[in-house]
Amino acid sequence: MADRETKIVNFYESTLASLLASASTSTSLTAAPTTDGTTVINASSGDSSTHYYLVVDPDNSSNREVILVTQSTGTTLTTITRDLESRHSTDPDHQAGTTVRMAVLAEHFVDMNDRLDTGLASLATAIQTSDLQDDDTFASAAADKVASSESIKAYVDTQVATKASLGLVIALG
């Protein structure tokens, strides 16, 4: 799966404003996709973080089609990639008035996991031993260092022991 960021929104439903013919890579909708019911999503071909998925005719198991929108303005979908699920030998025709929904798809989760895995791998290789601070008292604390787990445990154990001994003195006093 490509490293691609996509918009995930609560829910969006519209209809095709005109025929989406087989092999066509553009179409128009009766209402623009939005992130929150009012903010229109416009996809830009140079910015994968603006791309989004739509399901055309989602309630028809034999004609359902998942498309990726890579360029759009309002209700006009200028560039789309069709049949992402490879369900059809040729792209189906979809008539004007056919339901179109934006819904969370497996591709969204795969894309997100790919980015998280990449980000975590980068983070893991970015942290060096020299970035760790091993100082059990934190007397030499530095804003650009990360405390080791050993230092954190030693510091907390010392604090707990100190508080416990103060509590014991007060109770005896």
N, C-alpha and C. Protein backbone atom coordinates (compact mmCIF):
# COMPACT_ATOMS: atom_id res chain seq x y z
N MET A 1 0.85 -1.17 0.00
CA MET A 1 0.00 0.00 0.00
C MET A 1 0.89 1.23 0.00
N ALA A 2 0.53 2.20 -0.76
CA ALA A 2 1.29 3.43 -0.89
C ALA A 2 1.24 4.24 0.40
N ASP A 3 2.29 5.00 0.65
CA ASP A 3 2.30 5.90 1.80
C ASP A 3 1.45 7.10 1.44
N ARG A 4 0.18 7.07 1.85
CA ARG A 4 -0.77 8.10 1.44
C ARG A 4 -1.63 8.46 2.64
N GLU A 5 -1.78 9.74 2.87
CA GLU A 5 -2.67 10.21 3.92
C GLU A 5 -4.03 10.50 3.30
N THR A 6 -5.09 10.08 3.98
CA THR A 6 -6.43 10.31 3.44
C THR A 6 -7.32 10.92 4.51
N LYS A 7 -8.37 11.56 4.06
CA LYS A 7 -9.34 12.17 4.96
C LYS A 7 -10.32 11.10 5.45
N ILE A 8 -10.51 11.05 6.76
CA ILE A 8 -11.53 10.18 7.33
C ILE A 8 -12.53 11.10 8.02
N VAL A 9 -13.77 11.04 7.59
CA VAL A 9 -14.80 11.92 8.12
C VAL A 9 -15.92 11.10 8.72
N ASN A 10 -16.81 11.75 9.44
CA ASN A 10 -17.90 11.02 10.09
C ASN A 10 -18.78 10.30 9.08
N PHE A 11 -19.40 11.04 8.16
CA PHE A 11 -20.25 10.40 7.17
C PHE A 11 -20.62 11.42 6.12
N TYR A 12 -20.68 10.98 4.89
CA TYR A 12 -21.06 11.83 3.78
C TYR A 12 -21.84 10.98 2.79
N GLU A 13 -22.95 11.51 2.28
CA GLU A 13 -23.72 10.82 1.26
C GLU A 13 -24.26 11.84 0.27
N SER A 14 -24.18 11.50 -1.00
CA SER A 14 -24.69 12.35 -2.06
C SER A 14 -25.15 11.44 -3.19
N THR A 15 -25.34 12.01 -4.38
CA THR A 15 -25.66 11.23 -5.58
C THR A 15 -24.85 11.78 -6.74
N LEU A 16 -24.72 10.95 -7.77
CA LEU A 16 -24.06 11.40 -8.99
C LEU A 16 -24.96 12.42 -9.68
N ALA A 17 -24.38 13.52 -10.15
CA ALA A 17 -25.16 14.55 -10.85
C ALA A 17 -25.34 14.18 -12.32
N SER A 18 -24.47 13.31 -12.82
CA SER A 18 -24.54 12.90 -14.22
C SER A 18 -24.02 11.47 -14.34
N LEU A 19 -24.13 10.91 -15.52
CA LEU A 19 -23.67 9.55 -15.78
C LEU A 19 -22.17 9.44 -15.53
N LEU A 20 -21.78 8.40 -14.80
CA LEU A 20 -20.37 8.02 -14.67
C LEU A 20 -20.19 6.82 -15.59
N ALA A 21 -19.73 7.08 -16.80
CA ALA A 21 -19.62 6.04 -17.81
C ALA A 21 -18.40 5.16 -17.57
N SER A 22 -18.48 3.95 -18.07
CA SER A 22 -17.36 3.02 -17.99
C SER A 22 -16.11 3.68 -18.55
N ALA A 23 -14.99 3.53 -17.86
CA ALA A 23 -13.68 4.06 -18.25
C ALA A 23 -13.55 5.57 -18.04
N SER A 24 -14.59 6.24 -17.57
CA SER A 24 -14.49 7.67 -17.31
C SER A 24 -13.66 7.90 -16.04
N THR A 25 -12.85 8.94 -16.04
CA THR A 25 -12.02 9.25 -14.87
C THR A 25 -12.40 10.59 -14.23
N SER A 26 -13.61 11.06 -14.54
CA SER A 26 -14.12 12.28 -13.90
C SER A 26 -15.64 12.21 -13.86
N THR A 27 -16.21 12.94 -12.92
CA THR A 27 -17.67 12.99 -12.79
C THR A 27 -18.04 14.17 -11.90
N SER A 28 -19.32 14.35 -11.65
CA SER A 28 -19.76 15.40 -10.72
C SER A 28 -20.83 14.84 -9.79
N LEU A 29 -20.94 15.48 -8.63
CA LEU A 29 -21.86 15.06 -7.59
C LEU A 29 -22.91 16.15 -7.36
N THR A 30 -24.01 15.80 -6.73
CA THR A 30 -25.03 16.80 -6.43
C THR A 30 -24.67 17.63 -5.19
N ALA A 31 -23.84 17.09 -4.31
CA ALA A 31 -23.38 17.82 -3.12
C ALA A 31 -21.91 17.51 -2.90
N ALA A 32 -21.14 18.51 -2.55
CA ALA A 32 -19.70 18.34 -2.36
C ALA A 32 -19.40 17.55 -1.09
N PRO A 33 -18.37 16.69 -1.11
CA PRO A 33 -17.94 16.00 0.11
C PRO A 33 -17.44 17.01 1.14
N THR A 34 -17.77 16.75 2.39
CA THR A 34 -17.35 17.65 3.47
C THR A 34 -16.73 16.85 4.61
N THR A 35 -15.95 17.54 5.42
CA THR A 35 -15.35 16.91 6.59
C THR A 35 -16.29 16.92 7.79
N ASP A 36 -17.17 17.91 7.84
CA ASP A 36 -18.01 18.08 9.02
C ASP A 36 -19.43 18.53 8.68
N GLY A 37 -19.83 18.35 7.44
CA GLY A 37 -21.14 18.79 7.01
C GLY A 37 -21.14 20.17 6.38
N THR A 38 -20.07 20.93 6.60
CA THR A 38 -20.00 22.27 6.01
C THR A 38 -18.68 22.55 5.30
N THR A 39 -17.57 22.00 5.79
CA THR A 39 -16.26 22.27 5.21
C THR A 39 -16.01 21.34 4.02
N VAL A 40 -15.97 21.91 2.82
CA VAL A 40 -15.82 21.12 1.59
C VAL A 40 -14.40 20.56 1.48
N ILE A 41 -14.31 19.30 1.06
CA ILE A 41 -13.03 18.66 0.81
C ILE A 41 -12.69 18.86 -0.66
N ASN A 42 -11.54 19.46 -0.94
CA ASN A 42 -11.03 19.59 -2.30
C ASN A 42 -9.74 18.80 -2.38
N ALA A 43 -9.69 17.85 -3.30
CA ALA A 43 -8.49 17.02 -3.47
C ALA A 43 -7.55 17.69 -4.45
N SER A 44 -6.27 17.64 -4.13
CA SER A 44 -5.24 18.22 -5.00
C SER A 44 -4.30 17.11 -5.42
N SER A 45 -4.06 17.00 -6.73
CA SER A 45 -3.25 15.88 -7.24
C SER A 45 -1.84 15.88 -6.67
N GLY A 46 -1.30 17.02 -6.30
CA GLY A 46 0.05 17.08 -5.75
C GLY A 46 0.12 16.88 -4.25
N ASP A 47 -1.01 16.71 -3.59
CA ASP A 47 -1.02 16.60 -2.13
C ASP A 47 -1.87 15.40 -1.71
N SER A 48 -1.23 14.27 -1.46
CA SER A 48 -1.97 13.04 -1.15
C SER A 48 -2.75 13.14 0.16
N SER A 49 -2.43 14.10 1.01
CA SER A 49 -3.18 14.24 2.26
C SER A 49 -4.60 14.75 2.01
N THR A 50 -4.88 15.23 0.80
CA THR A 50 -6.22 15.73 0.47
C THR A 50 -7.06 14.68 -0.26
N HIS A 51 -6.47 13.58 -0.65
CA HIS A 51 -7.19 12.54 -1.40
C HIS A 51 -8.20 11.83 -0.50
N TYR A 52 -9.26 11.31 -1.11
CA TYR A 52 -10.28 10.60 -0.33
C TYR A 52 -10.93 9.51 -1.17
N TYR A 53 -11.59 8.58 -0.48
CA TYR A 53 -12.26 7.45 -1.11
C TYR A 53 -13.78 7.66 -1.10
N LEU A 54 -14.42 7.25 -2.17
CA LEU A 54 -15.88 7.25 -2.23
C LEU A 54 -16.34 5.87 -2.67
N VAL A 55 -17.54 5.50 -2.25
CA VAL A 55 -18.15 4.24 -2.68
C VAL A 55 -19.37 4.62 -3.51
N VAL A 56 -19.35 4.21 -4.78
CA VAL A 56 -20.46 4.48 -5.69
C VAL A 56 -21.39 3.28 -5.68
N ASP A 57 -22.68 3.55 -5.52
CA ASP A 57 -23.71 2.50 -5.46
C ASP A 57 -23.40 1.48 -4.35
N PRO A 58 -23.19 1.96 -3.12
CA PRO A 58 -22.72 1.11 -2.03
C PRO A 58 -23.69 -0.01 -1.61
N ASP A 59 -24.99 0.16 -1.88
CA ASP A 59 -25.96 -0.83 -1.44
C ASP A 59 -26.26 -1.89 -2.50
N ASN A 60 -25.56 -1.84 -3.61
CA ASN A 60 -25.76 -2.79 -4.71
C ASN A 60 -24.51 -3.66 -4.82
N SER A 61 -24.55 -4.87 -4.29
CA SER A 61 -23.36 -5.72 -4.23
C SER A 61 -22.77 -6.04 -5.60
N SER A 62 -23.58 -6.07 -6.64
CA SER A 62 -23.04 -6.41 -7.96
C SER A 62 -22.49 -5.19 -8.70
N ASN A 63 -22.85 -3.98 -8.27
CA ASN A 63 -22.43 -2.79 -9.01
C ASN A 63 -21.60 -1.82 -8.15
N ARG A 64 -21.39 -2.16 -6.89
CA ARG A 64 -20.64 -1.30 -5.98
C ARG A 64 -19.23 -1.08 -6.52
N GLU A 65 -18.75 0.16 -6.35
CA GLU A 65 -17.42 0.48 -6.84
C GLU A 65 -16.75 1.47 -5.90
N VAL A 66 -15.53 1.17 -5.48
CA VAL A 66 -14.74 2.07 -4.64
C VAL A 66 -13.82 2.86 -5.56
N ILE A 67 -13.83 4.18 -5.39
CA ILE A 67 -12.98 5.04 -6.20
C ILE A 67 -12.10 5.91 -5.29
N LEU A 68 -10.96 6.29 -5.80
CA LEU A 68 -10.06 7.20 -5.11
C LEU A 68 -10.10 8.53 -5.84
N VAL A 69 -10.41 9.60 -5.12
CA VAL A 69 -10.46 10.93 -5.71
C VAL A 69 -9.13 11.62 -5.43
N THR A 70 -8.40 11.94 -6.50
CA THR A 70 -7.10 12.58 -6.34
C THR A 70 -7.09 14.05 -6.77
N GLN A 71 -8.16 14.49 -7.44
CA GLN A 71 -8.29 15.91 -7.77
C GLN A 71 -9.76 16.26 -7.86
N SER A 72 -10.16 17.29 -7.11
CA SER A 72 -11.56 17.72 -7.12
C SER A 72 -11.67 19.16 -6.64
N THR A 73 -12.78 19.78 -7.04
CA THR A 73 -13.15 21.10 -6.55
C THR A 73 -14.65 21.08 -6.34
N GLY A 74 -15.07 21.19 -5.09
CA GLY A 74 -16.50 21.18 -4.79
C GLY A 74 -17.16 19.89 -5.27
N THR A 75 -18.14 20.02 -6.15
CA THR A 75 -18.89 18.86 -6.63
C THR A 75 -18.25 18.21 -7.86
N THR A 76 -17.20 18.81 -8.39
CA THR A 76 -16.55 18.27 -9.60
C THR A 76 -15.36 17.39 -9.22
N LEU A 77 -15.44 16.12 -9.57
CA LEU A 77 -14.34 15.18 -9.34
C LEU A 77 -13.56 15.10 -10.65
N THR A 78 -12.44 15.78 -10.73
CA THR A 78 -11.68 15.91 -11.96
C THR A 78 -10.87 14.66 -12.28
N THR A 79 -10.23 14.06 -11.27
CA THR A 79 -9.40 12.88 -11.48
C THR A 79 -9.75 11.82 -10.44
N ILE A 80 -10.22 10.66 -10.92
CA ILE A 80 -10.54 9.55 -10.02
C ILE A 80 -9.89 8.28 -10.54
N THR A 81 -9.55 7.40 -9.61
CA THR A 81 -9.06 6.06 -9.94
C THR A 81 -10.20 5.11 -9.60
N ARG A 82 -10.57 4.27 -10.54
CA ARG A 82 -11.78 3.46 -10.39
C ARG A 82 -11.48 2.03 -9.98
N ASP A 83 -12.52 1.39 -9.44
CA ASP A 83 -12.53 -0.03 -9.08
C ASP A 83 -11.31 -0.47 -8.26
N LEU A 84 -11.10 0.19 -7.15
CA LEU A 84 -9.95 -0.12 -6.29
C LEU A 84 -10.01 -1.52 -5.69
N GLU A 85 -11.19 -2.09 -5.61
CA GLU A 85 -11.33 -3.45 -5.07
C GLU A 85 -11.19 -4.52 -6.14
N SER A 86 -11.02 -4.12 -7.39
CA SER A 86 -10.91 -5.06 -8.53
C SER A 86 -12.11 -6.00 -8.58
N ARG A 87 -13.30 -5.46 -8.41
CA ARG A 87 -14.53 -6.25 -8.43
C ARG A 87 -15.08 -6.45 -9.84
N HIS A 88 -14.66 -5.60 -10.77
CA HIS A 88 -15.27 -5.60 -12.09
C HIS A 88 -14.20 -5.82 -13.17
N SER A 89 -14.56 -6.56 -14.23
CA SER A 89 -13.61 -6.74 -15.33
C SER A 89 -13.50 -5.46 -16.15
N THR A 90 -14.58 -4.70 -16.26
CA THR A 90 -14.56 -3.35 -16.84
C THR A 90 -15.35 -2.45 -15.91
N ASP A 91 -14.98 -1.19 -15.86
CA ASP A 91 -15.68 -0.26 -14.98
C ASP A 91 -17.16 -0.22 -15.34
N PRO A 92 -18.03 -0.31 -14.33
CA PRO A 92 -19.47 -0.26 -14.63
C PRO A 92 -19.94 1.17 -14.92
N ASP A 93 -21.05 1.28 -15.61
CA ASP A 93 -21.73 2.57 -15.78
C ASP A 93 -22.55 2.81 -14.52
N HIS A 94 -22.55 4.06 -14.07
CA HIS A 94 -23.40 4.46 -12.95
C HIS A 94 -24.24 5.64 -13.43
N GLN A 95 -25.54 5.52 -13.31
CA GLN A 95 -26.47 6.54 -13.80
C GLN A 95 -26.54 7.74 -12.87
N ALA A 96 -26.95 8.88 -13.40
CA ALA A 96 -27.20 10.06 -12.58
C ALA A 96 -28.20 9.67 -11.50
N GLY A 97 -27.99 10.16 -10.30
CA GLY A 97 -28.88 9.83 -9.18
C GLY A 97 -28.40 8.64 -8.36
N THR A 98 -27.34 7.95 -8.79
CA THR A 98 -26.79 6.82 -8.04
C THR A 98 -26.17 7.33 -6.73
N THR A 99 -26.42 6.63 -5.64
CA THR A 99 -25.89 7.01 -4.33
C THR A 99 -24.37 6.93 -4.30
N VAL A 100 -23.76 7.90 -3.64
CA VAL A 100 -22.31 7.95 -3.43
C VAL A 100 -22.10 8.22 -1.95
N ARG A 101 -21.25 7.42 -1.31
CA ARG A 101 -20.96 7.61 0.12
C ARG A 101 -19.46 7.66 0.35
N MET A 102 -19.10 8.39 1.37
CA MET A 102 -17.74 8.32 1.88
C MET A 102 -17.84 7.50 3.14
N ALA A 103 -17.06 6.47 3.22
CA ALA A 103 -17.11 5.60 4.39
C ALA A 103 -15.70 5.13 4.70
N VAL A 104 -15.47 4.74 5.94
CA VAL A 104 -14.17 4.22 6.32
C VAL A 104 -13.99 2.87 5.64
N LEU A 105 -12.86 2.73 4.98
CA LEU A 105 -12.54 1.51 4.24
C LEU A 105 -11.26 0.90 4.79
N ALA A 106 -11.01 -0.33 4.43
CA ALA A 106 -9.78 -0.99 4.85
C ALA A 106 -8.56 -0.18 4.42
N GLU A 107 -8.62 0.48 3.25
CA GLU A 107 -7.50 1.26 2.75
C GLU A 107 -7.12 2.37 3.73
N HIS A 108 -8.10 2.98 4.38
CA HIS A 108 -7.81 4.03 5.35
C HIS A 108 -6.92 3.49 6.47
N PHE A 109 -7.30 2.33 6.99
CA PHE A 109 -6.57 1.77 8.12
C PHE A 109 -5.19 1.29 7.70
N VAL A 110 -5.09 0.69 6.52
CA VAL A 110 -3.79 0.24 6.03
C VAL A 110 -2.89 1.45 5.84
N ASP A 111 -3.42 2.52 5.23
CA ASP A 111 -2.64 3.74 5.03
C ASP A 111 -2.16 4.29 6.37
N MET A 112 -3.05 4.36 7.34
CA MET A 112 -2.68 4.89 8.65
C MET A 112 -1.62 4.02 9.31
N ASN A 113 -1.78 2.70 9.26
CA ASN A 113 -0.80 1.81 9.86
C ASN A 113 0.55 1.92 9.17
N ASP A 114 0.56 2.06 7.84
CA ASP A 114 1.81 2.24 7.12
C ASP A 114 2.54 3.47 7.61
N ARG A 115 1.81 4.58 7.77
CA ARG A 115 2.44 5.81 8.23
C ARG A 115 2.92 5.68 9.66
N LEU A 116 2.14 5.05 10.53
CA LEU A 116 2.57 4.87 11.92
C LEU A 116 3.81 4.00 12.00
N ASP A 117 3.82 2.89 11.25
CA ASP A 117 4.99 2.01 11.26
C ASP A 117 6.23 2.75 10.78
N THR A 118 6.10 3.53 9.72
CA THR A 118 7.21 4.30 9.18
C THR A 118 7.69 5.33 10.20
N GLY A 119 6.73 6.02 10.81
CA GLY A 119 7.07 7.04 11.81
C GLY A 119 7.77 6.45 13.02
N LEU A 120 7.28 5.31 13.52
CA LEU A 120 7.91 4.67 14.67
C LEU A 120 9.30 4.16 14.34
N ALA A 121 9.48 3.61 13.14
CA ALA A 121 10.80 3.14 12.73
C ALA A 121 11.77 4.31 12.66
N SER A 122 11.32 5.43 12.15
CA SER A 122 12.17 6.62 12.07
C SER A 122 12.53 7.10 13.46
N LEU A 123 11.56 7.11 14.36
CA LEU A 123 11.80 7.54 15.72
C LEU A 123 12.79 6.63 16.42
N ALA A 124 12.63 5.33 16.24
CA ALA A 124 13.52 4.36 16.90
C ALA A 124 14.96 4.53 16.44
N THR A 125 15.17 4.80 15.17
CA THR A 125 16.54 4.97 14.68
C THR A 125 17.07 6.37 15.00
N ALA A 126 16.19 7.31 15.29
CA ALA A 126 16.62 8.67 15.58
C ALA A 126 17.14 8.82 17.00
N ILE A 127 16.69 7.99 17.94
CA ILE A 127 17.12 8.08 19.33
C ILE A 127 18.44 7.33 19.49
N GLN A 128 19.45 8.02 20.00
CA GLN A 128 20.77 7.44 20.21
C GLN A 128 21.03 7.29 21.71
N THR A 129 21.98 6.47 22.07
CA THR A 129 22.34 6.29 23.47
C THR A 129 22.75 7.61 24.10
N SER A 130 23.40 8.46 23.31
CA SER A 130 23.84 9.75 23.84
C SER A 130 22.65 10.67 24.18
N ASP A 131 21.45 10.32 23.69
CA ASP A 131 20.26 11.11 24.01
C ASP A 131 19.68 10.75 25.38
N LEU A 132 20.16 9.66 25.97
CA LEU A 132 19.67 9.23 27.28
C LEU A 132 20.47 9.86 28.40
N GLN A 133 19.79 10.13 29.50
CA GLN A 133 20.45 10.68 30.67
C GLN A 133 20.30 9.67 31.80
N ASP A 134 21.42 9.25 32.35
CA ASP A 134 21.39 8.29 33.44
C ASP A 134 21.88 9.00 34.70
N ASP A 135 20.94 9.63 35.39
CA ASP A 135 21.25 10.41 36.59
C ASP A 135 20.13 10.13 37.59
N ASP A 136 20.40 9.30 38.57
CA ASP A 136 19.36 8.86 39.50
C ASP A 136 18.78 9.99 40.35
N THR A 137 19.50 11.09 40.52
CA THR A 137 18.99 12.20 41.33
C THR A 137 18.41 13.33 40.48
N PHE A 138 18.61 13.26 39.20
CA PHE A 138 18.20 14.30 38.24
C PHE A 138 18.83 15.64 38.56
N ALA A 139 19.98 15.63 39.22
CA ALA A 139 20.69 16.87 39.54
C ALA A 139 21.20 17.56 38.29
N SER A 140 21.50 16.78 37.26
CA SER A 140 22.01 17.38 36.01
C SER A 140 20.97 17.29 34.90
N ALA A 141 19.70 17.47 35.25
CA ALA A 141 18.62 17.36 34.27
C ALA A 141 18.86 18.31 33.10
N ALA A 142 18.62 17.79 31.90
CA ALA A 142 18.80 18.60 30.69
C ALA A 142 17.52 18.53 29.85
N ALA A 143 17.13 19.65 29.27
CA ALA A 143 15.89 19.72 28.49
C ALA A 143 15.97 18.92 27.20
N ASP A 144 17.17 18.63 26.73
CA ASP A 144 17.31 17.92 25.45
C ASP A 144 17.71 16.45 25.64
N LYS A 145 17.50 15.89 26.83
CA LYS A 145 17.81 14.49 27.10
C LYS A 145 16.57 13.75 27.58
N VAL A 146 16.60 12.44 27.43
CA VAL A 146 15.52 11.58 27.89
C VAL A 146 16.05 10.77 29.05
N ALA A 147 15.32 10.74 30.15
CA ALA A 147 15.76 9.99 31.32
C ALA A 147 15.65 8.49 31.06
N SER A 148 16.62 7.74 31.53
CA SER A 148 16.55 6.29 31.40
C SER A 148 15.52 5.74 32.38
N SER A 149 14.98 4.59 32.08
CA SER A 149 13.99 3.99 32.99
C SER A 149 14.62 3.68 34.34
N GLU A 150 15.90 3.34 34.34
CA GLU A 150 16.60 3.07 35.59
C GLU A 150 16.65 4.33 36.46
N SER A 151 16.96 5.47 35.84
CA SER A 151 17.00 6.73 36.58
C SER A 151 15.63 7.11 37.12
N ILE A 152 14.61 6.93 36.33
CA ILE A 152 13.25 7.25 36.76
C ILE A 152 12.86 6.40 37.95
N LYS A 153 13.14 5.09 37.89
CA LYS A 153 12.80 4.20 39.00
C LYS A 153 13.57 4.58 40.27
N ALA A 154 14.86 4.84 40.14
CA ALA A 154 15.67 5.20 41.31
C ALA A 154 15.14 6.50 41.93
N TYR A 155 14.81 7.48 41.11
CA TYR A 155 14.30 8.76 41.61
C TYR A 155 12.96 8.57 42.33
N VAL A 156 12.06 7.82 41.72
CA VAL A 156 10.75 7.59 42.34
C VAL A 156 10.90 6.81 43.64
N ASP A 157 11.73 5.76 43.63
CA ASP A 157 11.96 4.99 44.86
C ASP A 157 12.48 5.88 45.98
N THR A 158 13.39 6.79 45.66
CA THR A 158 13.95 7.71 46.65
C THR A 158 12.86 8.64 47.19
N GLN A 159 12.04 9.17 46.28
CA GLN A 159 10.95 10.08 46.69
C GLN A 159 9.95 9.36 47.59
N VAL A 160 9.60 8.14 47.24
CA VAL A 160 8.64 7.37 48.04
C VAL A 160 9.23 7.07 49.41
N ALA A 161 10.49 6.68 49.45
CA ALA A 161 11.14 6.37 50.72
C ALA A 161 11.22 7.62 51.60
N THR A 162 11.53 8.77 50.99
CA THR A 162 11.61 10.04 51.74
C THR A 162 10.25 10.40 52.31
N LYS A 163 9.21 10.30 51.50
CA LYS A 163 7.86 10.63 51.97
C LYS A 163 7.42 9.66 53.06
N ALA A 164 7.77 8.40 52.89
CA ALA A 164 7.38 7.40 53.90
C ALA A 164 8.07 7.67 55.22
N SER A 165 9.36 8.05 55.18
CA SER A 165 10.06 8.31 56.44
C SER A 165 9.53 9.59 57.09
N LEU A 166 9.17 10.59 56.31
CA LEU A 166 8.57 11.81 56.88
C LEU A 166 7.22 11.49 57.51
N GLY A 167 6.46 10.66 56.88
CA GLY A 167 5.16 10.25 57.43
C GLY A 167 5.34 9.50 58.74
N LEU A 168 6.38 8.68 58.81
CA LEU A 168 6.65 7.91 60.02
C LEU A 168 7.06 8.84 61.15
N VAL A 169 7.88 9.86 60.88
CA VAL A 169 8.31 10.81 61.89
C VAL A 169 7.11 11.60 62.42
N ILE A 170 6.25 12.03 61.52
CA ILE A 170 5.06 12.79 61.94
C ILE A 170 4.14 11.91 62.77
N ALA A 171 3.98 10.67 62.39
CA ALA A 171 3.11 9.77 63.14
C ALA A 171 3.67 9.51 64.53
N LEU A 172 5.01 9.42 64.65
CA LEU A 172 5.62 9.16 65.95
C LEU A 172 5.63 10.41 66.83
N GLY A 173 5.69 11.58 66.21
CA GLY A 173 5.81 12.85 66.92
C GLY A 173 4.58 13.16 67.65
